[in-house]
PDB file of N, CA and C in Angstrom:
ATOM      1  N   MET A   1     -50.263   5.269  10.974  1.00  0.00           N
ATOM      2  CA  MET A   1     -49.182   6.088  11.463  1.00  0.00           C
ATOM      3  C   MET A   1     -47.893   5.286  11.620  1.00  0.00           C
ATOM      4  N   LYS A   2     -48.001   3.998  11.996  1.00  0.00           N
ATOM      5  CA  LYS A   2     -46.812   3.163  12.146  1.00  0.00           C
ATOM      6  C   LYS A   2     -46.066   3.001  10.822  1.00  0.00           C
ATOM      7  N   ALA A   3     -46.841   2.866   9.743  1.00  0.00           N
ATOM      8  CA  ALA A   3     -46.222   2.699   8.428  1.00  0.00           C
ATOM      9  C   ALA A   3     -45.382   3.921   8.077  1.00  0.00           C
ATOM     10  N   TRP A   4     -45.873   5.115   8.372  1.00  0.00           N
ATOM     11  CA  TRP A   4     -45.116   6.336   8.083  1.00  0.00           C
ATOM     12  C   TRP A   4     -43.811   6.378   8.887  1.00  0.00           C
ATOM     13  N   ALA A   5     -43.851   5.968  10.123  1.00  0.00           N
ATOM     14  CA  ALA A   5     -42.645   5.959  10.954  1.00  0.00           C
ATOM     15  C   ALA A   5     -41.601   5.009  10.381  1.00  0.00           C
ATOM     16  N   SER A   6     -42.043   3.858   9.880  1.00  0.00           N
ATOM     17  CA  SER A   6     -41.111   2.901   9.284  1.00  0.00           C
ATOM     18  C   SER A   6     -40.478   3.469   8.023  1.00  0.00           C
ATOM     19  N   TRP A   7     -41.288   4.098   7.175  1.00  0.00           N
ATOM     20  CA  TRP A   7     -40.764   4.694   5.950  1.00  0.00           C
ATOM     21  C   TRP A   7     -39.813   5.844   6.266  1.00  0.00           C
ATOM     22  N   ARG A   8     -40.163   6.635   7.268  1.00  0.00           N
ATOM     23  CA  ARG A   8     -39.305   7.759   7.646  1.00  0.00           C
ATOM     24  C   ARG A   8     -37.952   7.248   8.137  1.00  0.00           C
ATOM     25  N   SER A   9     -37.963   6.189   8.930  1.00  0.00           N
ATOM     26  CA  SER A   9     -36.715   5.600   9.414  1.00  0.00           C
ATOM     27  C   SER A   9     -35.876   5.080   8.257  1.00  0.00           C
ATOM     28  N   LEU A  10     -36.529   4.428   7.314  1.00  0.00           N
ATOM     29  CA  LEU A  10     -35.830   3.900   6.144  1.00  0.00           C
ATOM     30  C   LEU A  10     -35.229   5.027   5.327  1.00  0.00           C
ATOM     31  N   LEU A  11     -35.972   6.077   5.092  1.00  0.00           N
ATOM     32  CA  LEU A  11     -35.466   7.212   4.318  1.00  0.00           C
ATOM     33  C   LEU A  11     -34.297   7.892   5.022  1.00  0.00           C
ATOM     34  N   CYS A  12     -34.360   7.991   6.330  1.00  0.00           N
ATOM     35  CA  CYS A  12     -33.248   8.575   7.092  1.00  0.00           C
ATOM     36  C   CYS A  12     -31.997   7.712   6.953  1.00  0.00           C
ATOM     37  N   ALA A  13     -32.158   6.415   7.036  1.00  0.00           N
ATOM     38  CA  ALA A  13     -31.022   5.504   6.904  1.00  0.00           C
ATOM     39  C   ALA A  13     -30.403   5.605   5.521  1.00  0.00           C
ATOM     40  N   VAL A  14     -31.230   5.636   4.492  1.00  0.00           N
ATOM     41  CA  VAL A  14     -30.724   5.763   3.119  1.00  0.00           C
ATOM     42  C   VAL A  14     -29.999   7.094   2.955  1.00  0.00           C
ATOM     43  N   GLY A  15     -30.538   8.146   3.520  1.00  0.00           N
ATOM     44  CA  GLY A  15     -29.896   9.451   3.441  1.00  0.00           C
ATOM     45  C   GLY A  15     -28.525   9.457   4.089  1.00  0.00           C
ATOM     46  N   LEU A  16     -28.396   8.813   5.231  1.00  0.00           N
ATOM     47  CA  LEU A  16     -27.101   8.745   5.906  1.00  0.00           C
ATOM     48  C   LEU A  16     -26.082   7.975   5.081  1.00  0.00           C
ATOM     49  N   VAL A  17     -26.514   6.895   4.474  1.00  0.00           N
ATOM     50  CA  VAL A  17     -25.615   6.111   3.625  1.00  0.00           C
ATOM     51  C   VAL A  17     -25.167   6.940   2.435  1.00  0.00           C
ATOM     52  N   LEU A  18     -26.070   7.656   1.808  1.00  0.00           N
ATOM     53  CA  LEU A  18     -25.713   8.474   0.654  1.00  0.00           C
ATOM     54  C   LEU A  18     -24.777   9.611   1.029  1.00  0.00           C
ATOM     55  N   MET A  19     -24.961  10.197   2.187  1.00  0.00           N
ATOM     56  CA  MET A  19     -24.070  11.270   2.623  1.00  0.00           C
ATOM     57  C   MET A  19     -22.673  10.746   2.910  1.00  0.00           C
ATOM     58  N   ALA A  20     -22.564   9.494   3.367  1.00  0.00           N
ATOM     59  CA  ALA A  20     -21.258   8.924   3.692  1.00  0.00           C
ATOM     60  C   ALA A  20     -20.498   8.501   2.447  1.00  0.00           C
ATOM     61  N   ALA A  21     -21.197   8.253   1.350  1.00  0.00           N
ATOM     62  CA  ALA A  21     -20.552   7.812   0.112  1.00  0.00           C
ATOM     63  C   ALA A  21     -19.796   8.975  -0.522  1.00  0.00           C
ATOM     64  N   ARG A  22     -18.701   8.657  -1.155  1.00  0.00           N
ATOM     65  CA  ARG A  22     -17.920   9.672  -1.847  1.00  0.00           C
ATOM     66  C   ARG A  22     -18.532   9.937  -3.211  1.00  0.00           C
ATOM     67  N   PRO A  23     -18.363  11.145  -3.751  1.00  0.00           N
ATOM     68  CA  PRO A  23     -18.948  11.475  -5.047  1.00  0.00           C
ATOM     69  C   PRO A  23     -18.435  10.603  -6.182  1.00  0.00           C
ATOM     70  N   ASP A  24     -17.217  10.101  -6.072  1.00  0.00           N
ATOM     71  CA  ASP A  24     -16.669   9.278  -7.148  1.00  0.00           C
ATOM     72  C   ASP A  24     -17.079   7.818  -7.024  1.00  0.00           C
ATOM     73  N   GLY A  25     -17.940   7.506  -6.063  1.00  0.00           N
ATOM     74  CA  GLY A  25     -18.453   6.153  -5.910  1.00  0.00           C
ATOM     75  C   GLY A  25     -17.632   5.278  -4.985  1.00  0.00           C
ATOM     76  N   ALA A  26     -16.473   5.748  -4.550  1.00  0.00           N
ATOM     77  CA  ALA A  26     -15.639   4.961  -3.649  1.00  0.00           C
ATOM     78  C   ALA A  26     -16.138   5.129  -2.215  1.00  0.00           C
ATOM     79  N   CYS A  27     -15.949   4.117  -1.415  1.00  0.00           N
ATOM     80  CA  CYS A  27     -16.319   4.192  -0.005  1.00  0.00           C
ATOM     81  C   CYS A  27     -15.048   4.265   0.822  1.00  0.00           C
ATOM     82  N   ALA A  28     -15.093   5.034   1.878  1.00  0.00           N
ATOM     83  CA  ALA A  28     -13.924   5.178   2.732  1.00  0.00           C
ATOM     84  C   ALA A  28     -13.642   3.881   3.476  1.00  0.00           C
ATOM     85  N   LEU A  29     -12.375   3.527   3.557  1.00  0.00           N
ATOM     86  CA  LEU A  29     -11.934   2.351   4.303  1.00  0.00           C
ATOM     87  C   LEU A  29     -10.674   2.741   5.047  1.00  0.00           C
ATOM     88  N   GLU A  30     -10.700   2.640   6.360  1.00  0.00           N
ATOM     89  CA  GLU A  30      -9.548   2.977   7.191  1.00  0.00           C
ATOM     90  C   GLU A  30      -8.617   1.790   7.243  1.00  0.00           C
ATOM     91  N   LEU A  31      -7.383   1.990   6.791  1.00  0.00           N
ATOM     92  CA  LEU A  31      -6.411   0.905   6.728  1.00  0.00           C
ATOM     93  C   LEU A  31      -6.071   0.350   8.107  1.00  0.00           C
ATOM     94  N   ASN A  32      -6.127   1.180   9.126  1.00  0.00           N
ATOM     95  CA  ASN A  32      -5.821   0.722  10.478  1.00  0.00           C
ATOM     96  C   ASN A  32      -6.953  -0.095  11.102  1.00  0.00           C
ATOM     97  N   LYS A  33      -8.106  -0.188  10.434  1.00  0.00           N
ATOM     98  CA  LYS A  33      -9.235  -0.935  10.974  1.00  0.00           C
ATOM     99  C   LYS A  33      -9.714  -2.043  10.045  1.00  0.00           C
ATOM    100  N   ALA A  34      -9.253  -2.051   8.807  1.00  0.00           N
ATOM    101  CA  ALA A  34      -9.737  -3.009   7.807  1.00  0.00           C
ATOM    102  C   ALA A  34      -9.262  -4.422   8.125  1.00  0.00           C
ATOM    103  N   ASN A  35     -10.120  -5.398   7.840  1.00  0.00           N
ATOM    104  CA  ASN A  35      -9.718  -6.797   8.008  1.00  0.00           C
ATOM    105  C   ASN A  35      -9.177  -7.339   6.681  1.00  0.00           C
ATOM    106  N   GLN A  36      -8.707  -8.573   6.691  1.00  0.00           N
ATOM    107  CA  GLN A  36      -8.088  -9.161   5.506  1.00  0.00           C
ATOM    108  C   GLN A  36      -9.046  -9.174   4.312  1.00  0.00           C
ATOM    109  N   ALA A  37     -10.282  -9.560   4.529  1.00  0.00           N
ATOM    110  CA  ALA A  37     -11.246  -9.634   3.428  1.00  0.00           C
ATOM    111  C   ALA A  37     -11.479  -8.248   2.815  1.00  0.00           C
ATOM    112  N   GLN A  38     -11.577  -7.224   3.645  1.00  0.00           N
ATOM    113  CA  GLN A  38     -11.778  -5.870   3.129  1.00  0.00           C
ATOM    114  C   GLN A  38     -10.574  -5.408   2.323  1.00  0.00           C
ATOM    115  N   LEU A  39      -9.377  -5.720   2.803  1.00  0.00           N
ATOM    116  CA  LEU A  39      -8.170  -5.332   2.071  1.00  0.00           C
ATOM    117  C   LEU A  39      -8.091  -6.033   0.725  1.00  0.00           C
ATOM    118  N   GLU A  40      -8.423  -7.311   0.697  1.00  0.00           N
ATOM    119  CA  GLU A  40      -8.341  -8.082  -0.541  1.00  0.00           C
ATOM    120  C   GLU A  40      -9.358  -7.612  -1.582  1.00  0.00           C
ATOM    121  N   GLN A  41     -10.403  -6.938  -1.161  1.00  0.00           N
ATOM    122  CA  GLN A  41     -11.417  -6.421  -2.082  1.00  0.00           C
ATOM    123  C   GLN A  41     -10.930  -5.197  -2.854  1.00  0.00           C
ATOM    124  N   LEU A  42      -9.895  -4.554  -2.354  1.00  0.00           N
ATOM    125  CA  LEU A  42      -9.392  -3.342  -2.992  1.00  0.00           C
ATOM    126  C   LEU A  42      -8.615  -3.677  -4.264  1.00  0.00           C
ATOM    127  N   ASP A  43      -8.817  -2.849  -5.295  1.00  0.00           N
ATOM    128  CA  ASP A  43      -8.035  -3.005  -6.516  1.00  0.00           C
ATOM    129  C   ASP A  43      -6.580  -2.728  -6.197  1.00  0.00           C
ATOM    130  N   GLY A  44      -5.699  -3.594  -6.660  1.00  0.00           N
ATOM    131  CA  GLY A  44      -4.274  -3.406  -6.449  1.00  0.00           C
ATOM    132  C   GLY A  44      -3.721  -4.138  -5.245  1.00  0.00           C
ATOM    133  N   LEU A  45      -4.585  -4.774  -4.445  1.00  0.00           N
ATOM    134  CA  LEU A  45      -4.114  -5.542  -3.293  1.00  0.00           C
ATOM    135  C   LEU A  45      -4.549  -6.985  -3.439  1.00  0.00           C
ATOM    136  N   GLY A  46      -3.614  -7.880  -3.233  1.00  0.00           N
ATOM    137  CA  GLY A  46      -3.937  -9.296  -3.232  1.00  0.00           C
ATOM    138  C   GLY A  46      -3.759  -9.861  -1.838  1.00  0.00           C
ATOM    139  N   VAL A  47      -3.753 -11.163  -1.765  1.00  0.00           N
ATOM    140  CA  VAL A  47      -3.627 -11.852  -0.480  1.00  0.00           C
ATOM    141  C   VAL A  47      -2.297 -11.509   0.191  1.00  0.00           C
ATOM    142  N   ALA A  48      -1.207 -11.591  -0.570  1.00  0.00           N
ATOM    143  CA  ALA A  48       0.125 -11.360   0.008  1.00  0.00           C
ATOM    144  C   ALA A  48       0.268  -9.938   0.549  1.00  0.00           C
ATOM    145  N   MET A  49      -0.184  -8.942  -0.214  1.00  0.00           N
ATOM    146  CA  MET A  49      -0.062  -7.556   0.238  1.00  0.00           C
ATOM    147  C   MET A  49      -0.951  -7.308   1.453  1.00  0.00           C
ATOM    148  N   ALA A  50      -2.144  -7.860   1.452  1.00  0.00           N
ATOM    149  CA  ALA A  50      -3.029  -7.715   2.612  1.00  0.00           C
ATOM    150  C   ALA A  50      -2.377  -8.308   3.855  1.00  0.00           C
ATOM    151  N   GLU A  51      -1.726  -9.455   3.702  1.00  0.00           N
ATOM    152  CA  GLU A  51      -1.050 -10.088   4.837  1.00  0.00           C
ATOM    153  C   GLU A  51       0.118  -9.246   5.333  1.00  0.00           C
ATOM    154  N   ARG A  52       0.868  -8.630   4.409  1.00  0.00           N
ATOM    155  CA  ARG A  52       1.988  -7.762   4.821  1.00  0.00           C
ATOM    156  C   ARG A  52       1.469  -6.549   5.590  1.00  0.00           C
ATOM    157  N   ILE A  53       0.379  -5.970   5.116  1.00  0.00           N
ATOM    158  CA  ILE A  53      -0.203  -4.811   5.797  1.00  0.00           C
ATOM    159  C   ILE A  53      -0.655  -5.199   7.204  1.00  0.00           C
ATOM    160  N   LEU A  54      -1.351  -6.318   7.317  1.00  0.00           N
ATOM    161  CA  LEU A  54      -1.848  -6.757   8.626  1.00  0.00           C
ATOM    162  C   LEU A  54      -0.712  -7.109   9.576  1.00  0.00           C
ATOM    163  N   ALA A  55       0.352  -7.719   9.055  1.00  0.00           N
ATOM    164  CA  ALA A  55       1.498  -8.080   9.900  1.00  0.00           C
ATOM    165  C   ALA A  55       2.173  -6.833  10.471  1.00  0.00           C
ATOM    166  N   GLU A  56       2.352  -5.818   9.637  1.00  0.00           N
ATOM    167  CA  GLU A  56       2.970  -4.574  10.116  1.00  0.00           C
ATOM    168  C   GLU A  56       2.044  -3.820  11.058  1.00  0.00           C
ATOM    169  N   ARG A  57       0.759  -3.817  10.738  1.00  0.00           N
ATOM    170  CA  ARG A  57      -0.206  -3.116  11.584  1.00  0.00           C
ATOM    171  C   ARG A  57      -0.309  -3.768  12.959  1.00  0.00           C
ATOM    172  N   ALA A  58      -0.088  -5.087  13.038  1.00  0.00           N
ATOM    173  CA  ALA A  58      -0.128  -5.782  14.329  1.00  0.00           C
ATOM    174  C   ALA A  58       0.974  -5.278  15.255  1.00  0.00           C
ATOM    175  N   LYS A  59       2.075  -4.814  14.685  1.00  0.00           N
ATOM    176  CA  LYS A  59       3.174  -4.260  15.495  1.00  0.00           C
ATOM    177  C   LYS A  59       2.790  -2.892  16.062  1.00  0.00           C
ATOM    178  N   ALA A  60       2.149  -2.084  15.219  1.00  0.00           N
ATOM    179  CA  ALA A  60       1.695  -0.741  15.622  1.00  0.00           C
ATOM    180  C   ALA A  60       0.839  -0.184  14.499  1.00  0.00           C
ATOM    181  N   PRO A  61      -0.186   0.600  14.833  1.00  0.00           N
ATOM    182  CA  PRO A  61      -0.996   1.216  13.776  1.00  0.00           C
ATOM    183  C   PRO A  61      -0.136   2.134  12.903  1.00  0.00           C
ATOM    184  N   PHE A  62      -0.534   2.305  11.664  1.00  0.00           N
ATOM    185  CA  PHE A  62       0.186   3.208  10.768  1.00  0.00           C
ATOM    186  C   PHE A  62      -0.138   4.647  11.148  1.00  0.00           C
ATOM    187  N   ARG A  63       0.902   5.481  11.242  1.00  0.00           N
ATOM    188  CA  ARG A  63       0.714   6.887  11.609  1.00  0.00           C
ATOM    189  C   ARG A  63       0.166   7.697  10.441  1.00  0.00           C
ATOM    190  N   ASP A  64       0.667   7.406   9.234  1.00  0.00           N
ATOM    191  CA  ASP A  64       0.266   8.145   8.044  1.00  0.00           C
ATOM    192  C   ASP A  64       0.701   7.359   6.812  1.00  0.00           C
ATOM    193  N   TRP A  65       0.482   7.931   5.635  1.00  0.00           N
ATOM    194  CA  TRP A  65       0.826   7.239   4.392  1.00  0.00           C
ATOM    195  C   TRP A  65       2.331   7.004   4.284  1.00  0.00           C
ATOM    196  N   GLU A  66       3.123   7.936   4.772  1.00  0.00           N
ATOM    197  CA  GLU A  66       4.581   7.779   4.733  1.00  0.00           C
ATOM    198  C   GLU A  66       5.019   6.606   5.603  1.00  0.00           C
ATOM    199  N   ASP A  67       4.422   6.481   6.772  1.00  0.00           N
ATOM    200  CA  ASP A  67       4.729   5.369   7.665  1.00  0.00           C
ATOM    201  C   ASP A  67       4.367   4.042   6.995  1.00  0.00           C
ATOM    202  N   LEU A  68       3.229   3.997   6.343  1.00  0.00           N
ATOM    203  CA  LEU A  68       2.814   2.796   5.607  1.00  0.00           C
ATOM    204  C   LEU A  68       3.835   2.448   4.528  1.00  0.00           C
ATOM    205  N   ALA A  69       4.263   3.441   3.769  1.00  0.00           N
ATOM    206  CA  ALA A  69       5.223   3.203   2.680  1.00  0.00           C
ATOM    207  C   ALA A  69       6.571   2.713   3.205  1.00  0.00           C
ATOM    208  N   ARG A  70       6.987   3.223   4.348  1.00  0.00           N
ATOM    209  CA  ARG A  70       8.267   2.789   4.929  1.00  0.00           C
ATOM    210  C   ARG A  70       8.202   1.357   5.437  1.00  0.00           C
ATOM    211  N   ARG A  71       7.090   0.972   6.010  1.00  0.00           N
ATOM    212  CA  ARG A  71       6.999  -0.316   6.700  1.00  0.00           C
ATOM    213  C   ARG A  71       6.522  -1.473   5.831  1.00  0.00           C
ATOM    214  N   VAL A  72       5.783  -1.198   4.768  1.00  0.00           N
ATOM    215  CA  VAL A  72       5.220  -2.270   3.944  1.00  0.00           C
ATOM    216  C   VAL A  72       5.846  -2.221   2.556  1.00  0.00           C
ATOM    217  N   LYS A  73       6.630  -3.242   2.244  1.00  0.00           N
ATOM    218  CA  LYS A  73       7.290  -3.326   0.940  1.00  0.00           C
ATOM    219  C   LYS A  73       6.234  -3.367  -0.170  1.00  0.00           C
ATOM    220  N   GLY A  74       6.441  -2.529  -1.185  1.00  0.00           N
ATOM    221  CA  GLY A  74       5.524  -2.496  -2.309  1.00  0.00           C
ATOM    222  C   GLY A  74       4.390  -1.508  -2.167  1.00  0.00           C
ATOM    223  N   MET A  75       4.398  -0.717  -1.098  1.00  0.00           N
ATOM    224  CA  MET A  75       3.294   0.208  -0.855  1.00  0.00           C
ATOM    225  C   MET A  75       3.752   1.646  -1.108  1.00  0.00           C
ATOM    226  N   ARG A  76       4.305   1.865  -2.279  1.00  0.00           N
ATOM    227  CA  ARG A  76       4.786   3.195  -2.630  1.00  0.00           C
ATOM    228  C   ARG A  76       4.146   3.658  -3.925  1.00  0.00           C
ATOM    229  N   GLY A  77       4.281   4.923  -4.185  1.00  0.00           N
ATOM    230  CA  GLY A  77       3.915   5.518  -5.458  1.00  0.00           C
ATOM    231  C   GLY A  77       2.539   5.156  -5.976  1.00  0.00           C
ATOM    232  N   ALA A  78       2.532   4.486  -7.132  1.00  0.00           N
ATOM    233  CA  ALA A  78       1.281   4.210  -7.845  1.00  0.00           C
ATOM    234  C   ALA A  78       0.304   3.378  -7.019  1.00  0.00           C
ATOM    235  N   ARG A  79       0.807   2.408  -6.269  1.00  0.00           N
ATOM    236  CA  ARG A  79      -0.106   1.565  -5.480  1.00  0.00           C
ATOM    237  C   ARG A  79      -0.796   2.375  -4.385  1.00  0.00           C
ATOM    238  N   SER A  80      -0.056   3.187  -3.660  1.00  0.00           N
ATOM    239  CA  SER A  80      -0.687   3.984  -2.607  1.00  0.00           C
ATOM    240  C   SER A  80      -1.644   5.006  -3.212  1.00  0.00           C
ATOM    241  N   GLU A  81      -1.292   5.577  -4.350  1.00  0.00           N
ATOM    242  CA  GLU A  81      -2.185   6.532  -5.010  1.00  0.00           C
ATOM    243  C   GLU A  81      -3.451   5.829  -5.489  1.00  0.00           C
ATOM    244  N   GLN A  82      -3.324   4.593  -5.956  1.00  0.00           N
ATOM    245  CA  GLN A  82      -4.486   3.815  -6.380  1.00  0.00           C
ATOM    246  C   GLN A  82      -5.425   3.574  -5.194  1.00  0.00           C
ATOM    247  N   LEU A  83      -4.861   3.259  -4.041  1.00  0.00           N
ATOM    248  CA  LEU A  83      -5.683   3.057  -2.845  1.00  0.00           C
ATOM    249  C   LEU A  83      -6.357   4.347  -2.413  1.00  0.00           C
ATOM    250  N   GLN A  84      -5.647   5.455  -2.490  1.00  0.00           N
ATOM    251  CA  GLN A  84      -6.224   6.740  -2.117  1.00  0.00           C
ATOM    252  C   GLN A  84      -7.415   7.078  -3.011  1.00  0.00           C
ATOM    253  N   ARG A  85      -7.298   6.780  -4.302  1.00  0.00           N
ATOM    254  CA  ARG A  85      -8.407   7.036  -5.227  1.00  0.00           C
ATOM    255  C   ARG A  85      -9.631   6.183  -4.897  1.00  0.00           C
ATOM    256  N   GLN A  86      -9.408   5.046  -4.244  1.00  0.00           N
ATOM    257  CA  GLN A  86     -10.516   4.164  -3.862  1.00  0.00           C
ATOM    258  C   GLN A  86     -11.144   4.555  -2.525  1.00  0.00           C
ATOM    259  N   GLY A  87     -10.613   5.592  -1.900  1.00  0.00           N
ATOM    260  CA  GLY A  87     -11.186   6.065  -0.650  1.00  0.00           C
ATOM    261  C   GLY A  87     -10.527   5.505   0.593  1.00  0.00           C
ATOM    262  N   VAL A  88      -9.377   4.874   0.446  1.00  0.00           N
ATOM    263  CA  VAL A  88      -8.675   4.324   1.607  1.00  0.00           C
ATOM    264  C   VAL A  88      -8.031   5.467   2.381  1.00  0.00           C
ATOM    265  N   THR A  89      -8.132   5.388   3.710  1.00  0.00           N
ATOM    266  CA  THR A  89      -7.486   6.371   4.576  1.00  0.00           C
ATOM    267  C   THR A  89      -6.492   5.677   5.493  1.00  0.00           C
ATOM    268  N   VAL A  90      -5.504   6.435   5.923  1.00  0.00           N
ATOM    269  CA  VAL A  90      -4.538   5.957   6.910  1.00  0.00           C
ATOM    270  C   VAL A  90      -4.571   6.947   8.056  1.00  0.00           C
ATOM    271  N   ASN A  91      -5.006   6.472   9.206  1.00  0.00           N
ATOM    272  CA  ASN A  91      -5.129   7.320  10.391  1.00  0.00           C
ATOM    273  C   ASN A  91      -6.010   8.534  10.098  1.00  0.00           C
ATOM    274  N   GLY A  92      -7.063   8.290   9.311  1.00  0.00           N
ATOM    275  CA  GLY A  92      -8.034   9.328   9.003  1.00  0.00           C
ATOM    276  C   GLY A  92      -7.689  10.238   7.846  1.00  0.00           C
ATOM    277  N   VAL A  93      -6.505  10.066   7.247  1.00  0.00           N
ATOM    278  CA  VAL A  93      -6.074  10.933   6.151  1.00  0.00           C
ATOM    279  C   VAL A  93      -6.261  10.218   4.820  1.00  0.00           C
ATOM    280  N   ALA A  94      -7.019  10.853   3.926  1.00  0.00           N
ATOM    281  CA  ALA A  94      -7.315  10.246   2.637  1.00  0.00           C
ATOM    282  C   ALA A  94      -6.276  10.566   1.575  1.00  0.00           C
ATOM    283  N   GLY A  95      -5.465  11.549   1.746  1.00  0.00           N
ATOM    284  CA  GLY A  95      -4.511  11.954   0.727  1.00  0.00           C
ATOM    285  C   GLY A  95      -5.069  13.161  -0.015  1.00  0.00           C
ATOM    286  N   PRO A  96      -4.592  13.548  -1.146  1.00  0.00           N
ATOM    287  CA  PRO A  96      -3.518  12.888  -1.871  1.00  0.00           C
ATOM    288  C   PRO A  96      -2.161  13.175  -1.235  1.00  0.00           C
ATOM    289  N   VAL A  97      -1.409  12.123  -1.066  1.00  0.00           N
ATOM    290  CA  VAL A  97      -0.065  12.202  -0.501  1.00  0.00           C
ATOM    291  C   VAL A  97       0.845  11.375  -1.378  1.00  0.00           C
ATOM    292  N   SER A  98       1.906  11.956  -1.847  1.00  0.00           N
ATOM    293  CA  SER A  98       2.879  11.192  -2.620  1.00  0.00           C
ATOM    294  C   SER A  98       3.847  10.557  -1.663  1.00  0.00           C
ATOM    295  N   THR A  99       3.931   9.229  -1.691  1.00  0.00           N
ATOM    296  CA  THR A  99       4.801   8.502  -0.764  1.00  0.00           C
ATOM    297  C   THR A  99       6.119   8.100  -1.416  1.00  0.00           C
ATOM    298  N   THR A 100       6.292   8.411  -2.668  1.00  0.00           N
ATOM    299  CA  THR A 100       7.499   7.984  -3.382  1.00  0.00           C
ATOM    300  C   THR A 100       8.749   8.553  -2.741  1.00  0.00           C
ATOM    301  N   HIS A 101       8.754   9.870  -2.472  1.00  0.00           N
ATOM    302  CA  HIS A 101       9.947  10.497  -1.899  1.00  0.00           C
ATOM    303  C   HIS A 101      10.089  10.200  -0.422  1.00  0.00           C
ATOM    304  N   ALA A 102       8.985  10.140   0.288  1.00  0.00           N
ATOM    305  CA  ALA A 102       9.032   9.910   1.731  1.00  0.00           C
ATOM    306  C   ALA A 102       9.588   8.527   2.050  1.00  0.00           C
ATOM    307  N   ALA A 103       9.311   7.551   1.220  1.00  0.00           N
ATOM    308  CA  ALA A 103       9.755   6.197   1.502  1.00  0.00           C
ATOM    309  C   ALA A 103      11.251   6.041   1.350  1.00  0.00           C
ATOM    310  N   LYS A 104      11.907   6.950   0.638  1.00  0.00           N
ATOM    311  CA  LYS A 104      13.348   6.861   0.413  1.00  0.00           C
ATOM    312  C   LYS A 104      14.144   7.437   1.563  1.00  0.00           C
ATOM    313  N   ARG A 105      13.493   8.166   2.470  1.00  0.00           N
ATOM    314  CA  ARG A 105      14.204   8.806   3.600  1.00  0.00           C
ATOM    315  C   ARG A 105      14.806   7.808   4.532  1.00  0.00           C
TER     316      ARG A 105
END
């Protein structure tokens, strides 16, 4: 009976992981909680961009994608859309949000 309980626990854990995964294979990552290593793992972000994001976030969490685009140089248009496609969220919002026009305000 103990063996069945262990397998059941394992199957439940695997099920939860699969439910949390996005259909396109990307995993959600909250920009307001991500550390430097997690940011650097994202396509389109290098060390310098990760450091800029963390420096701005240290001042205050990002309110939304528009706030991110205004505060972090280089985080507009194609780059933010690339992050959204990878499952990145800002304050719980995954997008799609076009930040190109908002950043010019």
